Amino acid sequence: MNSMGKGQIWINGQSIGRHWPAYKASGNCGACNYAGTFRENKCGTNCGEASQRWYHVPRSWLNPTDNLLVVFEESGGDPNGISLVRRETDSVCADIYEWQPTLMNYEMQASGKVNKPLRPKVHLECDAGQKISAVKFASFGTPEGVCGSYREGSCHAHHSYDAFNRLCLGQNFCTVTVAPEMFGGDPCPSVMKKLSVEVICS
């Protein structure tokens, strides 16, 4: 919406929200010092750039054909500059700790209804029409990094990939329990562990 001024957007009757790229960041850009009297434009960044240009449209709001985009423009703009880009999911990630300190978990264990830890589950799902084709990374232990650049930490279960290769490959959706026995045992007892996983969708 970078070519527009200010207004609102709908697609197929669903509100994408307000757009206001005409509002440009201005003020004391670059060096930033908050000392002294507060002013709204004291520590601005991206001077001259639009406040926002990209807007996410959930895939479920779109039809296979005949989509209707309605733009209400308040201050001028060029609708010829509006573009819509389809984004394909090529990988899905998850980070989840082995113990989830929820009130339900505490209450069930305190009441004696369960005598073992309640294990969380990781849910991985590709877009409709896609399947999980490969496990790019999996580590149960102390993995580091973020989605797209995970790496093993000092603690790593060597069978971390096994459960995902067995339960997820070829599926659109899969669920894996985050528990030591799923990954060949506890790689570092007495250490709080987590699972980081990234799978490829195609």
C-alpha atoms as a PDB file:
ATOM      1  CA  MET A   1       0.000   0.000   0.000  1.00  0.00           C
ATOM      2  CA  ASN A   2       3.056   2.254  -0.233  1.00  0.00           C
ATOM      3  CA  SER A   3       1.568   4.384  -3.034  1.00  0.00           C
ATOM      4  CA  MET A   4      -1.560   5.269  -1.049  1.00  0.00           C
ATOM      5  CA  GLY A   5      -2.184   8.026   1.484  1.00  0.00           C
ATOM      6  CA  LYS A   6      -4.579   7.226   4.315  1.00  0.00           C
ATOM      7  CA  GLY A   7      -7.692   5.076   4.590  1.00  0.00           C
ATOM      8  CA  GLN A   8      -8.978   1.541   5.082  1.00  0.00           C
ATOM      9  CA  ILE A   9      -8.770  -1.739   3.164  1.00  0.00           C
ATOM     10  CA  TRP A  10     -11.136  -4.718   2.837  1.00  0.00           C
ATOM     11  CA  ILE A  11     -10.785  -7.937   0.878  1.00  0.00           C
ATOM     12  CA  ASN A  12     -13.855 -10.088   0.249  1.00  0.00           C
ATOM     13  CA  GLY A  13     -15.643  -8.205   3.038  1.00  0.00           C
ATOM     14  CA  GLN A  14     -12.890  -8.793   5.611  1.00  0.00           C
ATOM     15  CA  SER A  15     -11.172  -5.735   7.086  1.00  0.00           C
ATOM     16  CA  ILE A  16      -7.414  -5.753   6.601  1.00  0.00           C
ATOM     17  CA  GLY A  17      -7.243  -2.546   8.643  1.00  0.00           C
ATOM     18  CA  ARG A  18      -6.270   1.089   8.223  1.00  0.00           C
ATOM     19  CA  HIS A  19      -3.442   2.217   5.976  1.00  0.00           C
ATOM     20  CA  TRP A  20      -1.535   5.472   6.426  1.00  0.00           C
ATOM     21  CA  PRO A  21       1.736   5.413   4.479  1.00  0.00           C
ATOM     22  CA  ALA A  22       1.381   9.187   3.991  1.00  0.00           C
ATOM     23  CA  TYR A  23       2.465   9.511   7.616  1.00  0.00           C
ATOM     24  CA  LYS A  24       6.241   9.745   7.376  1.00  0.00           C
ATOM     25  CA  ALA A  25       8.713   9.375  10.201  1.00  0.00           C
ATOM     26  CA  SER A  26      10.440  12.682  10.892  1.00  0.00           C
ATOM     27  CA  GLY A  27      12.399  14.417  13.601  1.00  0.00           C
ATOM     28  CA  ASN A  28      15.847  13.909  15.070  1.00  0.00           C
ATOM     29  CA  CYS A  29      16.826  10.775  13.179  1.00  0.00           C
ATOM     30  CA  GLY A  30      20.118   9.017  13.613  1.00  0.00           C
ATOM     31  CA  ALA A  31      21.745  10.009  16.906  1.00  0.00           C
ATOM     32  CA  CYS A  32      19.302   9.549  19.769  1.00  0.00           C
ATOM     33  CA  ASN A  33      19.410  11.222  23.178  1.00  0.00           C
ATOM     34  CA  TYR A  34      16.390  11.176  25.482  1.00  0.00           C
ATOM     35  CA  ALA A  35      17.889  13.700  27.939  1.00  0.00           C
ATOM     36  CA  GLY A  36      15.922  16.899  28.524  1.00  0.00           C
ATOM     37  CA  THR A  37      12.314  17.701  27.659  1.00  0.00           C
ATOM     38  CA  PHE A  38      10.247  14.947  26.055  1.00  0.00           C
ATOM     39  CA  ARG A  39       9.159  15.558  22.460  1.00  0.00           C
ATOM     40  CA  GLU A  40       7.283  13.085  20.275  1.00  0.00           C
ATOM     41  CA  ASN A  41       9.783  13.286  17.414  1.00  0.00           C
ATOM     42  CA  LYS A  42      12.896  13.214  19.581  1.00  0.00           C
ATOM     43  CA  CYS A  43      14.300   9.847  18.606  1.00  0.00           C
ATOM     44  CA  GLY A  44      12.790   9.075  15.230  1.00  0.00           C
ATOM     45  CA  THR A  45      14.043   6.389  12.871  1.00  0.00           C
ATOM     46  CA  ASN A  46      13.581   5.740   9.145  1.00  0.00           C
ATOM     47  CA  CYS A  47      13.033   9.418   8.364  1.00  0.00           C
ATOM     48  CA  GLY A  48      10.936   9.982   5.266  1.00  0.00           C
ATOM     49  CA  GLU A  49       9.780   6.350   5.207  1.00  0.00           C
ATOM     50  CA  ALA A  50       6.135   5.307   5.359  1.00  0.00           C
ATOM     51  CA  SER A  51       4.778   4.299   8.747  1.00  0.00           C
ATOM     52  CA  GLN A  52       3.783   0.915   7.255  1.00  0.00           C
ATOM     53  CA  ARG A  53       3.625  -0.514   3.767  1.00  0.00           C
ATOM     54  CA  TRP A  54       2.940  -4.269   4.104  1.00  0.00           C
ATOM     55  CA  TYR A  55      -0.358  -5.750   5.309  1.00  0.00           C
ATOM     56  CA  HIS A  56      -0.962  -9.436   5.918  1.00  0.00           C
ATOM     57  CA  VAL A  57      -3.990 -11.065   4.278  1.00  0.00           C
ATOM     58  CA  PRO A  58      -4.809 -14.508   5.751  1.00  0.00           C
ATOM     59  CA  ARG A  59      -5.022 -17.147   3.027  1.00  0.00           C
ATOM     60  CA  SER A  60      -8.428 -18.244   4.350  1.00  0.00           C
ATOM     61  CA  TRP A  61      -9.863 -14.843   3.334  1.00  0.00           C
ATOM     62  CA  LEU A  62      -9.005 -15.375  -0.328  1.00  0.00           C
ATOM     63  CA  ASN A  63     -11.050 -17.128  -2.992  1.00  0.00           C
ATOM     64  CA  PRO A  64      -9.436 -19.177  -5.784  1.00  0.00           C
ATOM     65  CA  THR A  65     -10.677 -16.463  -8.211  1.00  0.00           C
ATOM     66  CA  ASP A  66     -12.787 -13.284  -8.202  1.00  0.00           C
ATOM     67  CA  ASN A  67     -11.360 -11.642  -5.078  1.00  0.00           C
ATOM     68  CA  LEU A  68     -12.719  -8.166  -4.349  1.00  0.00           C
ATOM     69  CA  LEU A  69     -10.336  -5.567  -2.899  1.00  0.00           C
ATOM     70  CA  VAL A  70     -12.037  -2.392  -1.602  1.00  0.00           C
ATOM     71  CA  VAL A  71      -9.881   0.621  -0.700  1.00  0.00           C
ATOM     72  CA  PHE A  72     -11.337   3.695   0.994  1.00  0.00           C
ATOM     73  CA  GLU A  73      -8.831   6.519   0.447  1.00  0.00           C
ATOM     74  CA  GLU A  74      -9.031   9.743   2.479  1.00  0.00           C
ATOM     75  CA  SER A  75      -6.088  11.798   1.277  1.00  0.00           C
ATOM     76  CA  GLY A  76      -5.174  10.827  -2.270  1.00  0.00           C
ATOM     77  CA  GLY A  77      -2.869   8.174  -3.622  1.00  0.00           C
ATOM     78  CA  ASP A  78      -2.217   6.051  -6.665  1.00  0.00           C
ATOM     79  CA  PRO A  79      -4.091   2.697  -6.611  1.00  0.00           C
ATOM     80  CA  ASN A  80      -1.974   1.509  -9.554  1.00  0.00           C
ATOM     81  CA  GLY A  81       0.876   1.084  -7.079  1.00  0.00           C
ATOM     82  CA  ILE A  82      -1.016  -1.434  -4.918  1.00  0.00           C
ATOM     83  CA  SER A  83       0.398  -4.951  -5.186  1.00  0.00           C
ATOM     84  CA  LEU A  84      -0.621  -8.292  -3.736  1.00  0.00           C
ATOM     85  CA  VAL A  85       2.012 -10.992  -3.394  1.00  0.00           C
ATOM     86  CA  ARG A  86       1.226 -14.619  -2.577  1.00  0.00           C
ATOM     87  CA  ARG A  87       3.566 -16.068  -0.014  1.00  0.00           C
ATOM     88  CA  GLU A  88       4.203 -19.802   0.175  1.00  0.00           C
ATOM     89  CA  THR A  89       5.179 -21.445   3.423  1.00  0.00           C
ATOM     90  CA  ASP A  90       8.426 -23.306   2.837  1.00  0.00           C
ATOM     91  CA  SER A  91       9.223 -24.230   6.426  1.00  0.00           C
ATOM     92  CA  VAL A  92       7.490 -24.447   9.792  1.00  0.00           C
ATOM     93  CA  CYS A  93       9.210 -24.126  13.169  1.00  0.00           C
ATOM     94  CA  ALA A  94       8.376 -24.749  16.797  1.00  0.00           C
ATOM     95  CA  ASP A  95      10.086 -24.048  20.136  1.00  0.00           C
ATOM     96  CA  ILE A  96       8.594 -25.649  23.227  1.00  0.00           C
ATOM     97  CA  TYR A  97       9.905 -26.483  26.696  1.00  0.00           C
ATOM     98  CA  GLU A  98       9.421 -29.952  28.172  1.00  0.00           C
ATOM     99  CA  TRP A  99       7.516 -28.538  31.129  1.00  0.00           C
ATOM    100  CA  GLN A 100       4.683 -26.034  30.681  1.00  0.00           C
ATOM    101  CA  PRO A 101       3.938 -24.352  34.043  1.00  0.00           C
ATOM    102  CA  THR A 102       0.190 -23.971  33.560  1.00  0.00           C
ATOM    103  CA  LEU A 103      -2.362 -23.807  36.345  1.00  0.00           C
ATOM    104  CA  MET A 104      -4.009 -27.012  35.091  1.00  0.00           C
ATOM    105  CA  ASN A 105      -0.710 -28.897  35.262  1.00  0.00           C
ATOM    106  CA  TYR A 106      -0.069 -27.766  38.818  1.00  0.00           C
ATOM    107  CA  GLU A 107      -3.615 -28.535  39.975  1.00  0.00           C
ATOM    108  CA  MET A 108      -3.660 -32.027  38.442  1.00  0.00           C
ATOM    109  CA  GLN A 109      -0.299 -32.957  39.938  1.00  0.00           C
ATOM    110  CA  ALA A 110      -1.124 -31.452  43.345  1.00  0.00           C
ATOM    111  CA  SER A 111      -4.442 -33.331  43.477  1.00  0.00           C
ATOM    112  CA  GLY A 112      -2.765 -36.647  42.774  1.00  0.00           C
ATOM    113  CA  LYS A 113      -4.783 -37.230  39.587  1.00  0.00           C
ATOM    114  CA  VAL A 114      -1.537 -37.753  37.723  1.00  0.00           C
ATOM    115  CA  ASN A 115       1.721 -39.115  39.084  1.00  0.00           C
ATOM    116  CA  LYS A 116       3.989 -38.197  36.193  1.00  0.00           C
ATOM    117  CA  PRO A 117       4.748 -34.927  34.399  1.00  0.00           C
ATOM    118  CA  LEU A 118       2.147 -33.713  31.930  1.00  0.00           C
ATOM    119  CA  ARG A 119       4.016 -33.469  28.654  1.00  0.00           C
ATOM    120  CA  PRO A 120       3.304 -30.722  26.121  1.00  0.00           C
ATOM    121  CA  LYS A 121       2.969 -31.499  22.418  1.00  0.00           C
ATOM    122  CA  VAL A 122       4.410 -29.760  19.395  1.00  0.00           C
ATOM    123  CA  HIS A 123       2.006 -29.274  16.475  1.00  0.00           C
ATOM    124  CA  LEU A 124       3.405 -28.738  12.971  1.00  0.00           C
ATOM    125  CA  GLU A 125       1.200 -27.925   9.997  1.00  0.00           C
ATOM    126  CA  CYS A 126       1.929 -26.961   6.394  1.00  0.00           C
ATOM    127  CA  ASP A 127      -0.377 -24.991   4.098  1.00  0.00           C
ATOM    128  CA  ALA A 128      -3.265 -26.797   2.431  1.00  0.00           C
ATOM    129  CA  GLY A 129      -1.977 -28.952  -0.415  1.00  0.00           C
ATOM    130  CA  GLN A 130       1.511 -29.182   1.098  1.00  0.00           C
ATOM    131  CA  LYS A 131       3.179 -31.987   2.986  1.00  0.00           C
ATOM    132  CA  ILE A 132       6.156 -32.186   5.327  1.00  0.00           C
ATOM    133  CA  SER A 133       8.926 -33.355   3.027  1.00  0.00           C
ATOM    134  CA  ALA A 134      12.008 -33.136   5.257  1.00  0.00           C
ATOM    135  CA  VAL A 135      13.145 -32.427   8.798  1.00  0.00           C
ATOM    136  CA  LYS A 136      15.671 -29.622   8.508  1.00  0.00           C
ATOM    137  CA  PHE A 137      16.522 -29.428  12.214  1.00  0.00           C
ATOM    138  CA  ALA A 138      15.456 -31.118  15.428  1.00  0.00           C
ATOM    139  CA  SER A 139      17.098 -30.940  18.833  1.00  0.00           C
ATOM    140  CA  PHE A 140      15.784 -31.902  22.251  1.00  0.00           C
ATOM    141  CA  GLY A 141      18.104 -30.446  24.853  1.00  0.00           C
ATOM    142  CA  THR A 142      19.435 -26.893  24.892  1.00  0.00           C
ATOM    143  CA  PRO A 143      19.239 -25.801  21.236  1.00  0.00           C
ATOM    144  CA  GLU A 144      20.110 -22.232  20.303  1.00  0.00           C
ATOM    145  CA  GLY A 145      19.173 -19.763  17.564  1.00  0.00           C
ATOM    146  CA  VAL A 146      15.895 -18.894  15.892  1.00  0.00           C
ATOM    147  CA  CYS A 147      13.745 -20.362  13.143  1.00  0.00           C
ATOM    148  CA  GLY A 148      15.842 -20.717  10.007  1.00  0.00           C
ATOM    149  CA  SER A 149      19.151 -20.740  11.895  1.00  0.00           C
ATOM    150  CA  TYR A 150      18.826 -23.241  14.740  1.00  0.00           C
ATOM    151  CA  ARG A 151      21.952 -24.969  16.054  1.00  0.00           C
ATOM    152  CA  GLU A 152      22.637 -27.639  18.632  1.00  0.00           C
ATOM    153  CA  GLY A 153      23.493 -26.532  22.160  1.00  0.00           C
ATOM    154  CA  SER A 154      25.727 -28.201  24.749  1.00  0.00           C
ATOM    155  CA  CYS A 155      22.958 -30.724  25.446  1.00  0.00           C
ATOM    156  CA  HIS A 156      21.425 -32.637  22.541  1.00  0.00           C
ATOM    157  CA  ALA A 157      19.476 -35.905  22.276  1.00  0.00           C
ATOM    158  CA  HIS A 158      21.036 -37.789  19.370  1.00  0.00           C
ATOM    159  CA  HIS A 159      17.693 -39.319  18.362  1.00  0.00           C
ATOM    160  CA  SER A 160      15.916 -35.954  18.143  1.00  0.00           C
ATOM    161  CA  TYR A 161      15.127 -36.426  14.430  1.00  0.00           C
ATOM    162  CA  ASP A 162      13.684 -39.913  14.764  1.00  0.00           C
ATOM    163  CA  ALA A 163      10.203 -39.054  16.052  1.00  0.00           C
ATOM    164  CA  PHE A 164       9.675 -36.413  13.369  1.00  0.00           C
ATOM    165  CA  ASN A 165      10.920 -38.663  10.565  1.00  0.00           C
ATOM    166  CA  ARG A 166       8.537 -41.371  11.762  1.00  0.00           C
ATOM    167  CA  LEU A 167       5.427 -39.285  12.544  1.00  0.00           C
ATOM    168  CA  CYS A 168       5.634 -36.234  10.272  1.00  0.00           C
ATOM    169  CA  LEU A 169       7.183 -37.057   6.894  1.00  0.00           C
ATOM    170  CA  GLY A 170       4.552 -37.124   4.167  1.00  0.00           C
ATOM    171  CA  GLN A 171       1.902 -35.592   6.432  1.00  0.00           C
ATOM    172  CA  ASN A 172       0.228 -32.194   6.212  1.00  0.00           C
ATOM    173  CA  PHE A 173      -0.051 -32.055  10.010  1.00  0.00           C
ATOM    174  CA  CYS A 174       1.628 -33.916  12.842  1.00  0.00           C
ATOM    175  CA  THR A 175       1.823 -33.889  16.627  1.00  0.00           C
ATOM    176  CA  VAL A 176       4.815 -35.025  18.684  1.00  0.00           C
ATOM    177  CA  THR A 177       4.927 -35.295  22.482  1.00  0.00           C
ATOM    178  CA  VAL A 178       7.845 -33.406  24.016  1.00  0.00           C
ATOM    179  CA  ALA A 179       9.255 -36.041  26.358  1.00  0.00           C
ATOM    180  CA  PRO A 180      12.732 -37.603  26.781  1.00  0.00           C
ATOM    181  CA  GLU A 181      11.516 -41.082  25.797  1.00  0.00           C
ATOM    182  CA  MET A 182      10.471 -39.752  22.387  1.00  0.00           C
ATOM    183  CA  PHE A 183      14.066 -38.762  21.640  1.00  0.00           C
ATOM    184  CA  GLY A 184      16.041 -41.689  23.009  1.00  0.00           C
ATOM    185  CA  GLY A 185      16.192 -40.680  26.674  1.00  0.00           C
ATOM    186  CA  ASP A 186      17.235 -37.726  28.770  1.00  0.00           C
ATOM    187  CA  PRO A 187      20.456 -36.229  27.330  1.00  0.00           C
ATOM    188  CA  CYS A 188      21.154 -34.068  30.408  1.00  0.00           C
ATOM    189  CA  PRO A 189      19.281 -34.918  33.623  1.00  0.00           C
ATOM    190  CA  SER A 190      18.436 -32.033  35.996  1.00  0.00           C
ATOM    191  CA  VAL A 191      18.600 -29.518  33.123  1.00  0.00           C
ATOM    192  CA  MET A 192      15.434 -27.830  31.832  1.00  0.00           C
ATOM    193  CA  LYS A 193      15.263 -28.903  28.205  1.00  0.00           C
ATOM    194  CA  LYS A 194      13.364 -27.663  25.198  1.00  0.00           C
ATOM    195  CA  LEU A 195      12.664 -28.852  21.705  1.00  0.00           C
ATOM    196  CA  SER A 196      13.433 -26.759  18.619  1.00  0.00           C
ATOM    197  CA  VAL A 197      12.345 -28.157  15.278  1.00  0.00           C
ATOM    198  CA  GLU A 198      12.093 -26.948  11.687  1.00  0.00           C
ATOM    199  CA  VAL A 199      10.427 -28.949   8.928  1.00  0.00           C
ATOM    200  CA  ILE A 200      10.260 -28.268   5.181  1.00  0.00           C
ATOM    201  CA  CYS A 201       6.865 -27.989   3.483  1.00  0.00           C
ATOM    202  CA  SER A 202       6.501 -28.754  -0.221  1.00  0.00           C
END
